[in-house]
N, C-alpha and C. Protein backbone atom coordinates (compact mmCIF):
# COMPACT_ATOMS: atom_id res chain seq x y z
N MET A 1 50.82 -4.79 22.85
CA MET A 1 50.11 -5.82 23.54
C MET A 1 48.66 -5.41 23.79
N LYS A 2 48.43 -4.14 24.17
CA LYS A 2 47.08 -3.68 24.44
C LYS A 2 46.26 -3.60 23.15
N THR A 3 46.87 -3.27 22.05
CA THR A 3 46.13 -3.21 20.79
C THR A 3 45.66 -4.60 20.36
N ARG A 4 46.49 -5.60 20.64
CA ARG A 4 46.12 -6.97 20.29
C ARG A 4 44.88 -7.40 21.10
N THR A 5 44.82 -7.04 22.35
CA THR A 5 43.68 -7.36 23.20
C THR A 5 42.43 -6.59 22.74
N LEU A 6 42.62 -5.35 22.36
CA LEU A 6 41.52 -4.54 21.86
C LEU A 6 40.96 -5.12 20.55
N ILE A 7 41.82 -5.57 19.67
CA ILE A 7 41.38 -6.16 18.41
C ILE A 7 40.61 -7.46 18.67
N ARG A 8 41.11 -8.28 19.57
CA ARG A 8 40.41 -9.52 19.91
C ARG A 8 39.02 -9.24 20.49
N ALA A 9 38.94 -8.25 21.35
CA ALA A 9 37.65 -7.89 21.95
C ALA A 9 36.67 -7.40 20.89
N ALA A 10 37.16 -6.63 19.93
CA ALA A 10 36.31 -6.13 18.85
C ALA A 10 35.82 -7.27 17.96
N VAL A 11 36.69 -8.24 17.67
CA VAL A 11 36.31 -9.38 16.84
C VAL A 11 35.27 -10.23 17.57
N VAL A 12 35.46 -10.47 18.85
CA VAL A 12 34.50 -11.27 19.62
C VAL A 12 33.15 -10.54 19.68
N ALA A 13 33.17 -9.24 19.88
CA ALA A 13 31.93 -8.48 19.92
C ALA A 13 31.21 -8.53 18.57
N ALA A 14 31.95 -8.41 17.48
CA ALA A 14 31.35 -8.46 16.15
C ALA A 14 30.74 -9.83 15.88
N ILE A 15 31.42 -10.88 16.29
CA ILE A 15 30.91 -12.24 16.08
C ILE A 15 29.63 -12.45 16.90
N ALA A 16 29.57 -11.87 18.08
CA ALA A 16 28.39 -12.02 18.92
C ALA A 16 27.20 -11.22 18.39
N VAL A 17 27.43 -10.11 17.71
CA VAL A 17 26.36 -9.25 17.24
C VAL A 17 25.78 -9.74 15.91
N VAL A 18 26.56 -10.34 15.05
CA VAL A 18 26.10 -10.73 13.71
C VAL A 18 24.88 -11.66 13.76
N PRO A 19 24.85 -12.72 14.55
CA PRO A 19 23.64 -13.56 14.57
C PRO A 19 22.40 -12.81 15.06
N ALA A 20 22.57 -11.92 16.01
CA ALA A 20 21.42 -11.16 16.52
C ALA A 20 20.86 -10.24 15.43
N LEU A 21 21.71 -9.63 14.64
CA LEU A 21 21.25 -8.75 13.56
C LEU A 21 20.56 -9.54 12.47
N SER A 22 21.10 -10.67 12.11
CA SER A 22 20.48 -11.46 11.05
C SER A 22 19.13 -12.00 11.50
N PHE A 23 18.99 -12.33 12.77
CA PHE A 23 17.71 -12.81 13.29
C PHE A 23 16.69 -11.69 13.32
N ALA A 24 17.11 -10.49 13.64
CA ALA A 24 16.20 -9.36 13.78
C ALA A 24 15.61 -8.95 12.43
N GLN A 25 16.23 -9.26 11.33
CA GLN A 25 15.74 -8.84 10.03
C GLN A 25 14.67 -9.77 9.48
N GLN A 26 14.45 -10.91 10.08
CA GLN A 26 13.45 -11.84 9.60
C GLN A 26 12.10 -11.44 10.19
N VAL A 27 11.26 -10.81 9.36
CA VAL A 27 9.97 -10.33 9.81
C VAL A 27 8.89 -11.07 9.02
N ASP A 28 7.96 -11.65 9.75
CA ASP A 28 6.83 -12.31 9.12
C ASP A 28 5.85 -11.23 8.64
N PRO A 29 5.53 -11.19 7.35
CA PRO A 29 4.64 -10.14 6.84
C PRO A 29 3.25 -10.17 7.50
N GLN A 30 2.80 -11.34 7.93
CA GLN A 30 1.50 -11.43 8.58
C GLN A 30 1.53 -10.81 9.99
N GLN A 31 2.70 -10.80 10.62
CA GLN A 31 2.83 -10.29 11.99
C GLN A 31 3.29 -8.83 12.03
N ALA A 32 3.77 -8.31 10.91
CA ALA A 32 4.30 -6.94 10.88
C ALA A 32 3.15 -5.94 11.04
N PRO A 33 3.39 -4.84 11.73
CA PRO A 33 2.33 -3.83 11.85
C PRO A 33 2.05 -3.18 10.49
N LYS A 34 0.82 -2.77 10.30
CA LYS A 34 0.43 -2.16 9.03
C LYS A 34 0.89 -0.72 8.97
N THR A 35 1.18 -0.28 7.77
CA THR A 35 1.56 1.11 7.56
C THR A 35 0.30 1.96 7.48
N ARG A 36 0.48 3.25 7.57
CA ARG A 36 -0.65 4.17 7.46
C ARG A 36 -1.32 4.04 6.10
N ALA A 37 -0.53 3.84 5.05
CA ALA A 37 -1.08 3.70 3.70
C ALA A 37 -1.92 2.43 3.58
N GLU A 38 -1.48 1.35 4.21
CA GLU A 38 -2.24 0.10 4.16
C GLU A 38 -3.57 0.23 4.88
N VAL A 39 -3.58 0.89 6.03
CA VAL A 39 -4.81 1.09 6.78
C VAL A 39 -5.76 1.98 6.00
N ARG A 40 -5.23 3.02 5.39
CA ARG A 40 -6.06 3.93 4.58
C ARG A 40 -6.66 3.20 3.39
N ALA A 41 -5.87 2.36 2.73
CA ALA A 41 -6.37 1.61 1.58
C ALA A 41 -7.48 0.64 2.00
N GLU A 42 -7.32 0.02 3.16
CA GLU A 42 -8.36 -0.88 3.65
C GLU A 42 -9.65 -0.11 3.96
N LEU A 43 -9.52 1.06 4.56
CA LEU A 43 -10.70 1.88 4.86
C LEU A 43 -11.41 2.30 3.59
N ILE A 44 -10.66 2.70 2.59
CA ILE A 44 -11.26 3.09 1.31
C ILE A 44 -11.97 1.90 0.68
N GLN A 45 -11.37 0.73 0.76
CA GLN A 45 -11.98 -0.46 0.20
C GLN A 45 -13.29 -0.80 0.95
N LEU A 46 -13.29 -0.63 2.27
CA LEU A 46 -14.51 -0.86 3.05
C LEU A 46 -15.59 0.16 2.71
N GLU A 47 -15.20 1.41 2.52
CA GLU A 47 -16.18 2.44 2.16
C GLU A 47 -16.78 2.16 0.79
N ARG A 48 -15.97 1.67 -0.15
CA ARG A 48 -16.50 1.31 -1.47
C ARG A 48 -17.46 0.13 -1.39
N ALA A 49 -17.29 -0.70 -0.35
CA ALA A 49 -18.18 -1.84 -0.16
C ALA A 49 -19.44 -1.46 0.60
N GLY A 50 -19.61 -0.20 0.95
CA GLY A 50 -20.83 0.26 1.57
C GLY A 50 -20.71 0.65 3.04
N TYR A 51 -19.54 0.55 3.63
CA TYR A 51 -19.37 0.93 5.04
C TYR A 51 -19.15 2.42 5.14
N ASN A 52 -19.89 3.07 6.02
CA ASN A 52 -19.73 4.50 6.25
C ASN A 52 -19.44 4.71 7.73
N PRO A 53 -18.21 5.06 8.10
CA PRO A 53 -17.88 5.22 9.51
C PRO A 53 -18.68 6.33 10.20
N ALA A 54 -19.18 7.30 9.44
CA ALA A 54 -19.94 8.39 10.04
C ALA A 54 -21.34 7.95 10.46
N ASP A 55 -21.87 6.89 9.85
CA ASP A 55 -23.22 6.43 10.14
C ASP A 55 -23.28 5.36 11.22
N THR A 56 -22.16 4.95 11.76
CA THR A 56 -22.17 3.86 12.73
C THR A 56 -22.56 4.35 14.11
N ASN A 57 -23.19 3.46 14.86
CA ASN A 57 -23.46 3.71 16.27
C ASN A 57 -23.28 2.40 17.01
N GLU A 58 -23.49 2.40 18.30
CA GLU A 58 -23.22 1.21 19.09
C GLU A 58 -24.12 0.03 18.75
N THR A 59 -25.30 0.28 18.23
CA THR A 59 -26.23 -0.82 17.97
C THR A 59 -25.93 -1.55 16.67
N ASN A 60 -25.43 -0.86 15.66
CA ASN A 60 -25.20 -1.53 14.38
C ASN A 60 -23.75 -1.58 13.95
N TYR A 61 -22.84 -1.11 14.80
CA TYR A 61 -21.42 -1.09 14.41
C TYR A 61 -20.87 -2.47 14.05
N PRO A 62 -20.95 -3.45 14.89
CA PRO A 62 -20.31 -4.72 14.52
C PRO A 62 -20.91 -5.32 13.25
N ALA A 63 -22.20 -5.23 13.11
CA ALA A 63 -22.85 -5.82 11.93
C ALA A 63 -22.46 -5.07 10.66
N ASP A 64 -22.39 -3.75 10.71
CA ASP A 64 -22.04 -2.96 9.53
C ASP A 64 -20.62 -3.26 9.04
N ILE A 65 -19.67 -3.23 9.95
CA ILE A 65 -18.29 -3.44 9.54
C ILE A 65 -18.06 -4.88 9.10
N GLN A 66 -18.71 -5.83 9.77
CA GLN A 66 -18.54 -7.22 9.39
C GLN A 66 -19.16 -7.50 8.02
N ALA A 67 -20.28 -6.88 7.74
CA ALA A 67 -20.90 -7.06 6.43
C ALA A 67 -20.02 -6.46 5.33
N ALA A 68 -19.45 -5.29 5.60
CA ALA A 68 -18.56 -4.67 4.61
C ALA A 68 -17.30 -5.50 4.43
N GLU A 69 -16.75 -6.03 5.52
CA GLU A 69 -15.56 -6.88 5.40
C GLU A 69 -15.86 -8.15 4.61
N ALA A 70 -17.05 -8.70 4.79
CA ALA A 70 -17.43 -9.89 4.03
C ALA A 70 -17.54 -9.57 2.55
N ARG A 71 -18.12 -8.39 2.21
CA ARG A 71 -18.21 -7.99 0.80
C ARG A 71 -16.83 -7.78 0.20
N VAL A 72 -15.93 -7.15 0.97
CA VAL A 72 -14.56 -6.93 0.48
C VAL A 72 -13.85 -8.26 0.27
N ALA A 73 -14.01 -9.19 1.21
CA ALA A 73 -13.39 -10.51 1.06
C ALA A 73 -13.93 -11.23 -0.17
N GLN A 74 -15.23 -11.10 -0.41
CA GLN A 74 -15.83 -11.73 -1.59
C GLN A 74 -15.30 -11.08 -2.87
N GLN A 75 -15.19 -9.76 -2.88
CA GLN A 75 -14.66 -9.06 -4.05
C GLN A 75 -13.21 -9.44 -4.30
N ASN A 76 -12.41 -9.53 -3.23
CA ASN A 76 -11.00 -9.91 -3.38
C ASN A 76 -10.86 -11.34 -3.88
N ALA A 77 -11.70 -12.25 -3.38
CA ALA A 77 -11.64 -13.63 -3.83
C ALA A 77 -12.03 -13.73 -5.30
N LEU A 78 -13.05 -12.99 -5.71
CA LEU A 78 -13.46 -12.99 -7.11
C LEU A 78 -12.37 -12.38 -8.00
N ALA A 79 -11.76 -11.31 -7.52
CA ALA A 79 -10.70 -10.67 -8.29
C ALA A 79 -9.48 -11.57 -8.41
N GLN A 80 -9.18 -12.33 -7.35
CA GLN A 80 -8.05 -13.27 -7.42
C GLN A 80 -8.33 -14.38 -8.41
N GLN A 81 -9.57 -14.85 -8.45
CA GLN A 81 -9.93 -15.89 -9.41
C GLN A 81 -9.78 -15.38 -10.83
N GLN A 82 -10.11 -14.12 -11.04
CA GLN A 82 -10.01 -13.53 -12.37
C GLN A 82 -8.60 -13.02 -12.65
N GLY A 83 -7.76 -12.98 -11.62
CA GLY A 83 -6.39 -12.52 -11.79
C GLY A 83 -6.24 -11.03 -11.78
N THR A 84 -7.21 -10.31 -11.25
CA THR A 84 -7.15 -8.84 -11.20
C THR A 84 -7.44 -8.36 -9.79
N ALA A 85 -6.68 -8.78 -8.82
CA ALA A 85 -6.92 -8.38 -7.44
C ALA A 85 -6.70 -6.88 -7.28
N ASP A 86 -7.68 -6.20 -6.66
CA ASP A 86 -7.59 -4.76 -6.42
C ASP A 86 -7.15 -4.55 -4.99
N THR A 87 -5.87 -4.33 -4.80
CA THR A 87 -5.35 -4.13 -3.46
C THR A 87 -5.29 -2.66 -3.10
N GLY A 88 -5.48 -1.80 -4.07
CA GLY A 88 -5.38 -0.38 -3.80
C GLY A 88 -3.97 0.15 -3.94
N TYR A 89 -3.04 -0.72 -4.30
CA TYR A 89 -1.65 -0.31 -4.44
C TYR A 89 -1.22 -0.47 -5.89
N GLY A 90 -0.27 0.33 -6.29
CA GLY A 90 0.29 0.19 -7.63
C GLY A 90 -0.45 1.02 -8.65
N PRO A 91 0.05 1.03 -9.87
CA PRO A 91 -0.56 1.85 -10.91
C PRO A 91 -1.84 1.20 -11.45
N ALA A 92 -2.60 1.96 -12.18
CA ALA A 92 -3.79 1.43 -12.82
C ALA A 92 -3.35 0.41 -13.87
N THR A 93 -4.10 -0.68 -13.96
CA THR A 93 -3.73 -1.72 -14.91
C THR A 93 -4.52 -1.61 -16.20
N ALA A 94 -5.50 -0.75 -16.24
CA ALA A 94 -6.28 -0.56 -17.46
C ALA A 94 -6.33 0.93 -17.76
N GLY A 95 -6.56 1.24 -19.02
CA GLY A 95 -6.66 2.64 -19.42
C GLY A 95 -5.47 3.05 -20.26
N THR A 96 -5.48 4.29 -20.63
CA THR A 96 -4.40 4.79 -21.47
C THR A 96 -3.83 6.04 -20.84
N THR A 97 -2.62 6.34 -21.21
CA THR A 97 -1.98 7.58 -20.78
C THR A 97 -1.36 8.24 -21.99
N GLN A 98 -1.17 9.52 -21.89
CA GLN A 98 -0.57 10.25 -22.99
C GLN A 98 0.28 11.36 -22.40
N SER A 99 1.44 11.56 -22.96
CA SER A 99 2.30 12.62 -22.46
C SER A 99 2.51 13.65 -23.56
N GLY A 100 3.05 14.76 -23.17
CA GLY A 100 3.31 15.81 -24.14
C GLY A 100 2.41 17.00 -23.87
N PRO A 101 2.55 18.04 -24.68
CA PRO A 101 1.73 19.24 -24.47
C PRO A 101 0.27 18.99 -24.83
N ALA A 102 -0.59 19.81 -24.27
CA ALA A 102 -2.01 19.70 -24.57
C ALA A 102 -2.23 20.05 -26.03
N PRO A 103 -3.24 19.47 -26.67
CA PRO A 103 -3.50 19.79 -28.07
C PRO A 103 -3.89 21.26 -28.21
N ARG A 104 -3.48 21.84 -29.30
CA ARG A 104 -3.76 23.24 -29.55
C ARG A 104 -5.16 23.37 -30.13
N VAL A 105 -5.93 24.23 -29.52
CA VAL A 105 -7.30 24.45 -29.98
C VAL A 105 -7.32 25.72 -30.80
N THR A 106 -7.82 25.60 -32.01
CA THR A 106 -7.88 26.79 -32.87
C THR A 106 -9.30 27.32 -32.88
N THR A 107 -9.39 28.62 -32.80
CA THR A 107 -10.68 29.31 -32.88
C THR A 107 -10.57 30.30 -34.02
N PRO A 108 -11.67 30.90 -34.42
CA PRO A 108 -11.57 31.87 -35.52
C PRO A 108 -10.60 33.01 -35.23
N ASP A 109 -10.45 33.39 -33.95
CA ASP A 109 -9.52 34.46 -33.60
C ASP A 109 -8.09 33.94 -33.47
N ASN A 110 -7.91 32.66 -33.28
CA ASN A 110 -6.60 32.08 -33.04
C ASN A 110 -6.37 30.95 -34.04
N THR A 111 -6.26 31.30 -35.28
CA THR A 111 -6.08 30.28 -36.30
C THR A 111 -4.62 29.91 -36.41
N LEU A 112 -4.37 28.86 -37.11
CA LEU A 112 -3.03 28.36 -37.27
C LEU A 112 -2.16 29.36 -38.03
N TYR A 113 -2.72 30.08 -38.96
CA TYR A 113 -1.93 30.99 -39.80
C TYR A 113 -2.05 32.45 -39.36
N GLY A 114 -2.80 32.73 -38.27
CA GLY A 114 -2.87 34.08 -37.73
C GLY A 114 -3.72 35.02 -38.51
N HIS A 115 -4.67 34.56 -39.29
CA HIS A 115 -5.54 35.45 -40.09
C HIS A 115 -6.54 36.13 -39.23
């Protein structure tokens, strides 16, 4: 009799917890906190746009960062129009790669035939 009550209590508890868990997993990407990698990528993008955090002071800080953010937004909009948005994430989309051992360089002392 006690096991039947225990089983019922466990089932009721599980039913009560399932909706709370499913609700907790729905995270809006716009509201989620940024990761360290995302913040670092944004800082690198701002520095490439001309912002230097070491050169800022109280008189020009807001103008400097806002100008760099505007340049980054313009670059991102242009890249989206061209279909090549640079988010700072993922592999390089242009260029070549090669694997395998380095090419062997022969010199007069190190010839292919050992002469």
